[in-house]
């Protein structure tokens, strides 16, 4: 086999191995994403009071960070309470 042919075969084999490695990484990523999605779907839904407690803590943190005013937080919390508690 000529030197040029050996070089071509070697490069082709390397490229094929690289594409197989990429496919394996993509497949592993898809499996991981499916596992995360399944854990979200199968996780228990928190009750309305637990959800409202989380909303309150998040809004309180936003006020402390000066991202929103306390008045905005109170209005938004009341709006979400109507939606969340209305579903319960």
PDB file of N, CA and C in Angstrom:
ATOM      1  N   UNK A   1       0.849  -1.163   0.000  1.00  0.00           N
ATOM      2  CA  UNK A   1       0.000   0.000   0.000  1.00  0.00           C
ATOM      3  C   UNK A   1       0.898   1.230   0.000  1.00  0.00           C
ATOM      4  N   UNK A   2       0.535   2.206  -0.804  1.00  0.00           N
ATOM      5  CA  UNK A   2       1.373   3.397  -0.883  1.00  0.00           C
ATOM      6  C   UNK A   2       1.229   4.238   0.379  1.00  0.00           C
ATOM      7  N   UNK A   3       2.167   5.113   0.553  1.00  0.00           N
ATOM      8  CA  UNK A   3       2.176   5.985   1.724  1.00  0.00           C
ATOM      9  C   UNK A   3       0.918   6.855   1.769  1.00  0.00           C
ATOM     10  N   UNK A   4       0.490   7.330   0.602  1.00  0.00           N
ATOM     11  CA  UNK A   4      -0.697   8.181   0.519  1.00  0.00           C
ATOM     12  C   UNK A   4      -1.956   7.386   0.880  1.00  0.00           C
ATOM     13  N   UNK A   5      -2.031   6.142   0.451  1.00  0.00           N
ATOM     14  CA  UNK A   5      -3.186   5.293   0.754  1.00  0.00           C
ATOM     15  C   UNK A   5      -3.257   4.996   2.244  1.00  0.00           C
ATOM     16  N   UNK A   6      -2.117   4.735   2.865  1.00  0.00           N
ATOM     17  CA  UNK A   6      -2.082   4.475   4.307  1.00  0.00           C
ATOM     18  C   UNK A   6      -2.566   5.706   5.061  1.00  0.00           C
ATOM     19  N   UNK A   7      -2.117   6.861   4.625  1.00  0.00           N
ATOM     20  CA  UNK A   7      -2.533   8.114   5.258  1.00  0.00           C
ATOM     21  C   UNK A   7      -4.050   8.290   5.127  1.00  0.00           C
ATOM     22  N   UNK A   8      -4.608   8.002   3.956  1.00  0.00           N
ATOM     23  CA  UNK A   8      -6.044   8.141   3.727  1.00  0.00           C
ATOM     24  C   UNK A   8      -6.837   7.184   4.617  1.00  0.00           C
ATOM     25  N   UNK A   9      -6.415   5.921   4.693  1.00  0.00           N
ATOM     26  CA  UNK A   9      -7.108   4.923   5.508  1.00  0.00           C
ATOM     27  C   UNK A   9      -7.044   5.316   6.981  1.00  0.00           C
ATOM     28  N   UNK A  10      -5.893   5.784   7.425  1.00  0.00           N
ATOM     29  CA  UNK A  10      -5.733   6.192   8.820  1.00  0.00           C
ATOM     30  C   UNK A  10      -6.648   7.365   9.148  1.00  0.00           C
ATOM     31  N   UNK A  11      -6.698   8.355   8.273  1.00  0.00           N
ATOM     32  CA  UNK A  11      -7.560   9.523   8.508  1.00  0.00           C
ATOM     33  C   UNK A  11      -9.026   9.133   8.473  1.00  0.00           C
ATOM     34  N   UNK A  12      -9.411   8.251   7.567  1.00  0.00           N
ATOM     35  CA  UNK A  12     -10.805   7.801   7.488  1.00  0.00           C
ATOM     36  C   UNK A  12     -11.206   7.061   8.755  1.00  0.00           C
ATOM     37  N   UNK A  13     -10.322   6.218   9.255  1.00  0.00           N
ATOM     38  CA  UNK A  13     -10.609   5.471  10.482  1.00  0.00           C
ATOM     39  C   UNK A  13     -10.723   6.419  11.669  1.00  0.00           C
ATOM     40  N   UNK A  14      -9.854   7.416  11.724  1.00  0.00           N
ATOM     41  CA  UNK A  14      -9.913   8.393  12.820  1.00  0.00           C
ATOM     42  C   UNK A  14     -11.209   9.189  12.764  1.00  0.00           C
ATOM     43  N   UNK A  15     -11.614   9.584  11.569  1.00  0.00           N
ATOM     44  CA  UNK A  15     -12.857  10.344  11.422  1.00  0.00           C
ATOM     45  C   UNK A  15     -14.055   9.503  11.823  1.00  0.00           C
ATOM     46  N   UNK A  16     -14.060   8.245  11.434  1.00  0.00           N
ATOM     47  CA  UNK A  16     -15.167   7.352  11.798  1.00  0.00           C
ATOM     48  C   UNK A  16     -15.217   7.154  13.304  1.00  0.00           C
ATOM     49  N   UNK A  17     -14.064   6.971  13.919  1.00  0.00           N
ATOM     50  CA  UNK A  17     -14.025   6.797  15.374  1.00  0.00           C
ATOM     51  C   UNK A  17     -14.502   8.059  16.071  1.00  0.00           C
ATOM     52  N   UNK A  18     -14.128   9.213  15.532  1.00  0.00           N
ATOM     53  CA  UNK A  18     -14.574  10.477  16.119  1.00  0.00           C
ATOM     54  C   UNK A  18     -16.069  10.655  16.018  1.00  0.00           C
ATOM     55  N   UNK A  19     -16.647  10.278  14.867  1.00  0.00           N
ATOM     56  CA  UNK A  19     -18.097  10.426  14.721  1.00  0.00           C
ATOM     57  C   UNK A  19     -18.840   9.430  15.599  1.00  0.00           C
ATOM     58  N   UNK A  20     -18.280   8.246  15.807  1.00  0.00           N
ATOM     59  CA  UNK A  20     -18.906   7.282  16.718  1.00  0.00           C
ATOM     60  C   UNK A  20     -18.855   7.793  18.153  1.00  0.00           C
ATOM     61  N   UNK A  21     -17.739   8.424  18.512  1.00  0.00           N
ATOM     62  CA  UNK A  21     -17.624   9.001  19.845  1.00  0.00           C
ATOM     63  C   UNK A  21     -18.638  10.110  20.053  1.00  0.00           C
ATOM     64  N   UNK A  22     -18.831  10.928  19.038  1.00  0.00           N
ATOM     65  CA  UNK A  22     -19.817  12.005  19.116  1.00  0.00           C
ATOM     66  C   UNK A  22     -21.217  11.438  19.250  1.00  0.00           C
ATOM     67  N   UNK A  23     -21.502  10.382  18.514  1.00  0.00           N
ATOM     68  CA  UNK A  23     -22.822   9.751  18.605  1.00  0.00           C
ATOM     69  C   UNK A  23     -23.046   9.163  19.990  1.00  0.00           C
ATOM     70  N   UNK A  24     -22.001   8.574  20.565  1.00  0.00           N
ATOM     71  CA  UNK A  24     -22.131   7.997  21.909  1.00  0.00           C
ATOM     72  C   UNK A  24     -22.391   9.085  22.942  1.00  0.00           C
ATOM     73  N   UNK A  25     -21.706  10.212  22.802  1.00  0.00           N
ATOM     74  CA  UNK A  25     -21.922  11.328  23.729  1.00  0.00           C
ATOM     75  C   UNK A  25     -23.336  11.871  23.571  1.00  0.00           C
ATOM     76  N   UNK A  26     -23.806  12.001  22.340  1.00  0.00           N
ATOM     77  CA  UNK A  26     -25.165  12.485  22.107  1.00  0.00           C
ATOM     78  C   UNK A  26     -26.192  11.527  22.683  1.00  0.00           C
ATOM     79  N   UNK A  27     -25.961  10.229  22.527  1.00  0.00           N
ATOM     80  CA  UNK A  27     -26.890   9.236  23.075  1.00  0.00           C
ATOM     81  C   UNK A  27     -26.900   9.295  24.595  1.00  0.00           C
ATOM     82  N   UNK A  28     -25.735   9.454  25.197  1.00  0.00           N
ATOM     83  CA  UNK A  28     -25.667   9.560  26.659  1.00  0.00           C
ATOM     84  C   UNK A  28     -26.388  10.808  27.136  1.00  0.00           C
ATOM     85  N   UNK A  29     -26.254  11.891  26.393  1.00  0.00           N
ATOM     86  CA  UNK A  29     -26.961  13.123  26.743  1.00  0.00           C
ATOM     87  C   UNK A  29     -28.461  12.949  26.647  1.00  0.00           C
ATOM     88  N   UNK A  30     -28.915  12.229  25.632  1.00  0.00           N
ATOM     89  CA  UNK A  30     -30.351  11.986  25.473  1.00  0.00           C
ATOM     90  C   UNK A  30     -30.887  11.127  26.607  1.00  0.00           C
ATOM     91  N   UNK A  31     -30.110  10.136  27.023  1.00  0.00           N
ATOM     92  CA  UNK A  31     -30.528   9.280  28.140  1.00  0.00           C
ATOM     93  C   UNK A  31     -30.609  10.098  29.423  1.00  0.00           C
ATOM     94  N   UNK A  32     -29.632  10.967  29.645  1.00  0.00           N
ATOM     95  CA  UNK A  32     -29.645  11.807  30.847  1.00  0.00           C
ATOM     96  C   UNK A  32     -30.844  12.748  30.829  1.00  0.00           C
ATOM     97  N   UNK A  33     -31.142  13.336  29.681  1.00  0.00           N
ATOM     98  CA  UNK A  33     -32.290  14.237  29.578  1.00  0.00           C
ATOM     99  C   UNK A  33     -33.593  13.490  29.831  1.00  0.00           C
ATOM    100  N   UNK A  34     -33.694  12.271  29.329  1.00  0.00           N
ATOM    101  CA  UNK A  34     -34.901  11.475  29.557  1.00  0.00           C
ATOM    102  C   UNK A  34     -35.051  11.132  31.033  1.00  0.00           C
ATOM    103  N   UNK A  35     -33.939  10.853  31.701  1.00  0.00           N
ATOM    104  CA  UNK A  35     -33.993  10.536  33.135  1.00  0.00           C
ATOM    105  C   UNK A  35     -34.453  11.740  33.943  1.00  0.00           C
ATOM    106  N   UNK A  36     -33.959  12.921  33.590  1.00  0.00           N
ATOM    107  CA  UNK A  36     -34.388  14.138  34.290  1.00  0.00           C
ATOM    108  C   UNK A  36     -35.863  14.396  34.041  1.00  0.00           C
ATOM    109  N   UNK A  37     -36.309  14.245  32.804  1.00  0.00           N
ATOM    110  CA  UNK A  37     -37.721  14.463  32.486  1.00  0.00           C
ATOM    111  C   UNK A  37     -38.606  13.484  33.245  1.00  0.00           C
ATOM    112  N   UNK A  38     -38.184  12.239  33.332  1.00  0.00           N
ATOM    113  CA  UNK A  38     -38.971  11.242  34.059  1.00  0.00           C
ATOM    114  C   UNK A  38     -39.036  11.574  35.538  1.00  0.00           C
ATOM    115  N   UNK A  39     -37.939  12.069  36.100  1.00  0.00           N
ATOM    116  CA  UNK A  39     -37.961  12.407  37.527  1.00  0.00           C
ATOM    117  C   UNK A  39     -38.879  13.584  37.795  1.00  0.00           C
ATOM    118  N   UNK A  40     -38.964  14.514  36.848  1.00  0.00           N
ATOM    119  CA  UNK A  40     -39.870  15.653  37.018  1.00  0.00           C
ATOM    120  C   UNK A  40     -41.315  15.188  36.927  1.00  0.00           C
ATOM    121  N   UNK A  41     -41.608  14.343  35.962  1.00  0.00           N
ATOM    122  CA  UNK A  41     -42.974  13.863  35.776  1.00  0.00           C
ATOM    123  C   UNK A  41     -43.424  13.017  36.958  1.00  0.00           C
ATOM    124  N   UNK A  42     -42.527  12.194  37.489  1.00  0.00           N
ATOM    125  CA  UNK A  42     -42.894  11.271  38.551  1.00  0.00           C
ATOM    126  C   UNK A  42     -42.777  11.870  39.948  1.00  0.00           C
ATOM    127  N   UNK A  43     -42.238  13.095  40.064  1.00  0.00           N
ATOM    128  CA  UNK A  43     -42.109  13.695  41.390  1.00  0.00           C
ATOM    129  C   UNK A  43     -43.475  14.172  41.871  1.00  0.00           C
ATOM    130  N   UNK A  44     -43.715  14.077  43.174  1.00  0.00           N
ATOM    131  CA  UNK A  44     -45.018  14.491  43.694  1.00  0.00           C
ATOM    132  C   UNK A  44     -45.206  16.004  43.570  1.00  0.00           C
ATOM    133  N   UNK A  45     -46.421  16.409  43.296  1.00  0.00           N
ATOM    134  CA  UNK A  45     -46.745  17.825  43.162  1.00  0.00           C
ATOM    135  C   UNK A  45     -46.949  18.394  44.561  1.00  0.00           C
ATOM    136  N   UNK A  46     -46.267  19.503  44.891  1.00  0.00           N
ATOM    137  CA  UNK A  46     -46.462  20.074  46.219  1.00  0.00           C
ATOM    138  C   UNK A  46     -47.880  20.626  46.365  1.00  0.00           C
ATOM    139  N   UNK A  47     -48.382  20.599  47.588  1.00  0.00           N
ATOM    140  CA  UNK A  47     -49.734  21.115  47.796  1.00  0.00           C
ATOM    141  C   UNK A  47     -49.722  22.636  47.695  1.00  0.00           C
ATOM    142  N   UNK A  48     -50.906  23.221  47.685  1.00  0.00           N
ATOM    143  CA  UNK A  48     -51.047  24.655  47.444  1.00  0.00           C
ATOM    144  C   UNK A  48     -50.339  25.485  48.511  1.00  0.00           C
ATOM    145  N   UNK A  49     -50.422  25.073  49.764  1.00  0.00           N
ATOM    146  CA  UNK A  49     -49.787  25.872  50.820  1.00  0.00           C
ATOM    147  C   UNK A  49     -48.263  25.845  50.698  1.00  0.00           C
ATOM    148  N   UNK A  50     -47.702  24.708  50.302  1.00  0.00           N
ATOM    149  CA  UNK A  50     -46.251  24.621  50.101  1.00  0.00           C
ATOM    150  C   UNK A  50     -45.824  25.480  48.917  1.00  0.00           C
ATOM    151  N   UNK A  51     -46.624  25.492  47.867  1.00  0.00           N
ATOM    152  CA  UNK A  51     -46.320  26.330  46.707  1.00  0.00           C
ATOM    153  C   UNK A  51     -46.364  27.804  47.081  1.00  0.00           C
ATOM    154  N   UNK A  52     -47.375  28.195  47.853  1.00  0.00           N
ATOM    155  CA  UNK A  52     -47.495  29.596  48.263  1.00  0.00           C
ATOM    156  C   UNK A  52     -46.339  30.001  49.178  1.00  0.00           C
ATOM    157  N   UNK A  53     -45.900  29.086  50.022  1.00  0.00           N
ATOM    158  CA  UNK A  53     -44.757  29.384  50.893  1.00  0.00           C
ATOM    159  C   UNK A  53     -43.507  29.635  50.054  1.00  0.00           C
ATOM    160  N   UNK A  54     -43.312  28.820  49.016  1.00  0.00           N
ATOM    161  CA  UNK A  54     -42.182  29.017  48.111  1.00  0.00           C
ATOM    162  C   UNK A  54     -42.270  30.331  47.363  1.00  0.00           C
ATOM    163  N   UNK A  55     -43.471  30.678  46.909  1.00  0.00           N
ATOM    164  CA  UNK A  55     -43.681  31.952  46.220  1.00  0.00           C
ATOM    165  C   UNK A  55     -43.329  33.101  47.155  1.00  0.00           C
ATOM    166  N   UNK A  56     -43.823  33.018  48.393  1.00  0.00           N
ATOM    167  CA  UNK A  56     -43.568  34.083  49.364  1.00  0.00           C
ATOM    168  C   UNK A  56     -42.065  34.253  49.610  1.00  0.00           C
ATOM    169  N   UNK A  57     -41.349  33.143  49.789  1.00  0.00           N
ATOM    170  CA  UNK A  57     -39.906  33.215  50.031  1.00  0.00           C
ATOM    171  C   UNK A  57     -39.158  33.785  48.825  1.00  0.00           C
ATOM    172  N   UNK A  58     -39.558  33.381  47.631  1.00  0.00           N
ATOM    173  CA  UNK A  58     -38.907  33.898  46.421  1.00  0.00           C
ATOM    174  C   UNK A  58     -39.141  35.396  46.262  1.00  0.00           C
ATOM    175  N   UNK A  59     -40.372  35.833  46.519  1.00  0.00           N
ATOM    176  CA  UNK A  59     -40.670  37.261  46.396  1.00  0.00           C
ATOM    177  C   UNK A  59     -39.963  38.065  47.482  1.00  0.00           C
ATOM    178  N   UNK A  60     -39.878  37.513  48.671  1.00  0.00           N
ATOM    179  CA  UNK A  60     -39.169  38.186  49.761  1.00  0.00           C
ATOM    180  C   UNK A  60     -37.691  38.358  49.395  1.00  0.00           C
ATOM    181  N   UNK A  61     -37.104  37.335  48.799  1.00  0.00           N
ATOM    182  CA  UNK A  61     -35.711  37.406  48.364  1.00  0.00           C
ATOM    183  C   UNK A  61     -35.543  38.462  47.270  1.00  0.00           C
ATOM    184  N   UNK A  62     -36.497  38.544  46.360  1.00  0.00           N
ATOM    185  CA  UNK A  62     -36.429  39.541  45.288  1.00  0.00           C
ATOM    186  C   UNK A  62     -36.506  40.957  45.851  1.00  0.00           C
ATOM    187  N   UNK A  63     -37.327  41.162  46.883  1.00  0.00           N
ATOM    188  CA  UNK A  63     -37.420  42.480  47.521  1.00  0.00           C
ATOM    189  C   UNK A  63     -36.096  42.817  48.200  1.00  0.00           C
ATOM    190  N   UNK A  64     -35.508  41.848  48.893  1.00  0.00           N
ATOM    191  CA  UNK A  64     -34.229  42.072  49.575  1.00  0.00           C
ATOM    192  C   UNK A  64     -33.117  42.418  48.592  1.00  0.00           C
ATOM    193  N   UNK A  65     -33.194  41.879  47.385  1.00  0.00           N
ATOM    194  CA  UNK A  65     -32.189  42.153  46.359  1.00  0.00           C
ATOM    195  C   UNK A  65     -32.525  43.396  45.537  1.00  0.00           C
ATOM    196  N   UNK A  66     -33.587  44.101  45.934  1.00  0.00           N
ATOM    197  CA  UNK A  66     -34.050  45.317  45.244  1.00  0.00           C
ATOM    198  C   UNK A  66     -34.408  45.057  43.784  1.00  0.00           C
ATOM    199  N   UNK A  67     -34.898  43.867  43.500  1.00  0.00           N
ATOM    200  CA  UNK A  67     -35.336  43.551  42.148  1.00  0.00           C
ATOM    201  C   UNK A  67     -36.765  44.016  41.925  1.00  0.00           C
ATOM    202  N   UNK A  68     -37.572  43.990  42.980  1.00  0.00           N
ATOM    203  CA  UNK A  68     -38.949  44.482  42.939  1.00  0.00           C
ATOM    204  C   UNK A  68     -39.229  45.209  44.253  1.00  0.00           C
ATOM    205  N   UNK A  69     -40.292  46.012  44.255  1.00  0.00           N
ATOM    206  CA  UNK A  69     -40.676  46.695  45.494  1.00  0.00           C
ATOM    207  C   UNK A  69     -41.565  45.775  46.314  1.00  0.00           C
ATOM    208  N   UNK A  70     -41.725  46.104  47.578  1.00  0.00           N
ATOM    209  CA  UNK A  70     -42.587  45.281  48.435  1.00  0.00           C
ATOM    210  C   UNK A  70     -44.041  45.356  47.971  1.00  0.00           C
ATOM    211  N   UNK A  71     -44.441  46.503  47.412  1.00  0.00           N
ATOM    212  CA  UNK A  71     -45.807  46.626  46.883  1.00  0.00           C
ATOM    213  C   UNK A  71     -46.014  45.707  45.679  1.00  0.00           C
ATOM    214  N   UNK A  72     -45.025  45.662  44.798  1.00  0.00           N
ATOM    215  CA  UNK A  72     -45.116  44.764  43.643  1.00  0.00           C
ATOM    216  C   UNK A  72     -45.177  43.314  44.101  1.00  0.00           C
ATOM    217  N   UNK A  73     -44.372  42.980  45.091  1.00  0.00           N
ATOM    218  CA  UNK A  73     -44.361  41.611  45.609  1.00  0.00           C
ATOM    219  C   UNK A  73     -45.719  41.246  46.189  1.00  0.00           C
ATOM    220  N   UNK A  74     -46.314  42.162  46.944  1.00  0.00           N
ATOM    221  CA  UNK A  74     -47.618  41.888  47.563  1.00  0.00           C
ATOM    222  C   UNK A  74     -48.691  41.685  46.496  1.00  0.00           C
ATOM    223  N   UNK A  75     -48.689  42.533  45.463  1.00  0.00           N
ATOM    224  CA  UNK A  75     -49.689  42.387  44.390  1.00  0.00           C
ATOM    225  C   UNK A  75     -49.496  41.076  43.633  1.00  0.00           C
ATOM    226  N   UNK A  76     -48.252  40.751  43.334  1.00  0.00           N
ATOM    227  CA  UNK A  76     -47.984  39.528  42.584  1.00  0.00           C
ATOM    228  C   UNK A  76     -48.324  38.297  43.412  1.00  0.00           C
ATOM    229  N   UNK A  77     -48.004  38.344  44.705  1.00  0.00           N
ATOM    230  CA  UNK A  77     -48.328  37.216  45.574  1.00  0.00           C
ATOM    231  C   UNK A  77     -49.838  37.022  45.663  1.00  0.00           C
ATOM    232  N   UNK A  78     -50.584  38.117  45.752  1.00  0.00           N
ATOM    233  CA  UNK A  78     -52.048  38.017  45.798  1.00  0.00           C
ATOM    234  C   UNK A  78     -52.593  37.429  44.497  1.00  0.00           C
ATOM    235  N   UNK A  79     -52.017  37.850  43.383  1.00  0.00           N
ATOM    236  CA  UNK A  79     -52.450  37.335  42.077  1.00  0.00           C
ATOM    237  C   UNK A  79     -52.178  35.826  41.975  1.00  0.00           C
ATOM    238  N   UNK A  80     -50.972  35.418  42.387  1.00  0.00           N
ATOM    239  CA  UNK A  80     -50.637  33.994  42.337  1.00  0.00           C
ATOM    240  C   UNK A  80     -51.453  33.184  43.334  1.00  0.00           C
ATOM    241  N   UNK A  81     -51.742  33.769  44.486  1.00  0.00           N
ATOM    242  CA  UNK A  81     -52.556  33.062  45.481  1.00  0.00           C
ATOM    243  C   UNK A  81     -53.928  32.750  44.904  1.00  0.00           C
ATOM    244  N   UNK A  82     -54.495  33.699  44.182  1.00  0.00           N
ATOM    245  CA  UNK A  82     -55.786  33.452  43.545  1.00  0.00           C
ATOM    246  C   UNK A  82     -55.725  32.300  42.564  1.00  0.00           C
ATOM    247  N   UNK A  83     -54.647  32.239  41.793  1.00  0.00           N
ATOM    248  CA  UNK A  83     -54.509  31.160  40.805  1.00  0.00           C
ATOM    249  C   UNK A  83     -54.202  29.822  41.469  1.00  0.00           C
ATOM    250  N   UNK A  84     -53.234  29.825  42.383  1.00  0.00           N
ATOM    251  CA  UNK A  84     -52.799  28.567  43.002  1.00  0.00           C
ATOM    252  C   UNK A  84     -53.879  28.006  43.912  1.00  0.00           C
ATOM    253  N   UNK A  85     -54.435  28.847  44.749  1.00  0.00           N
ATOM    254  CA  UNK A  85     -55.453  28.363  45.680  1.00  0.00           C
ATOM    255  C   UNK A  85     -56.771  28.086  44.964  1.00  0.00           C
ATOM    256  N   UNK A  86     -56.983  28.739  43.837  1.00  0.00           N
ATOM    257  CA  UNK A  86     -58.176  28.468  43.036  1.00  0.00           C
ATOM    258  C   UNK A  86     -58.135  27.094  42.399  1.00  0.00           C
ATOM    259  N   UNK A  87     -56.913  26.598  42.117  1.00  0.00           N
ATOM    260  CA  UNK A  87     -56.747  25.263  41.527  1.00  0.00           C
ATOM    261  C   UNK A  87     -56.950  24.169  42.558  1.00  0.00           C
ATOM    262  N   UNK A  88     -56.661  24.485  43.828  1.00  0.00           N
ATOM    263  CA  UNK A  88     -56.682  23.455  44.881  1.00  0.00           C
ATOM    264  C   UNK A  88     -58.081  22.999  45.217  1.00  0.00           C
TER     265      UNK A  88
END
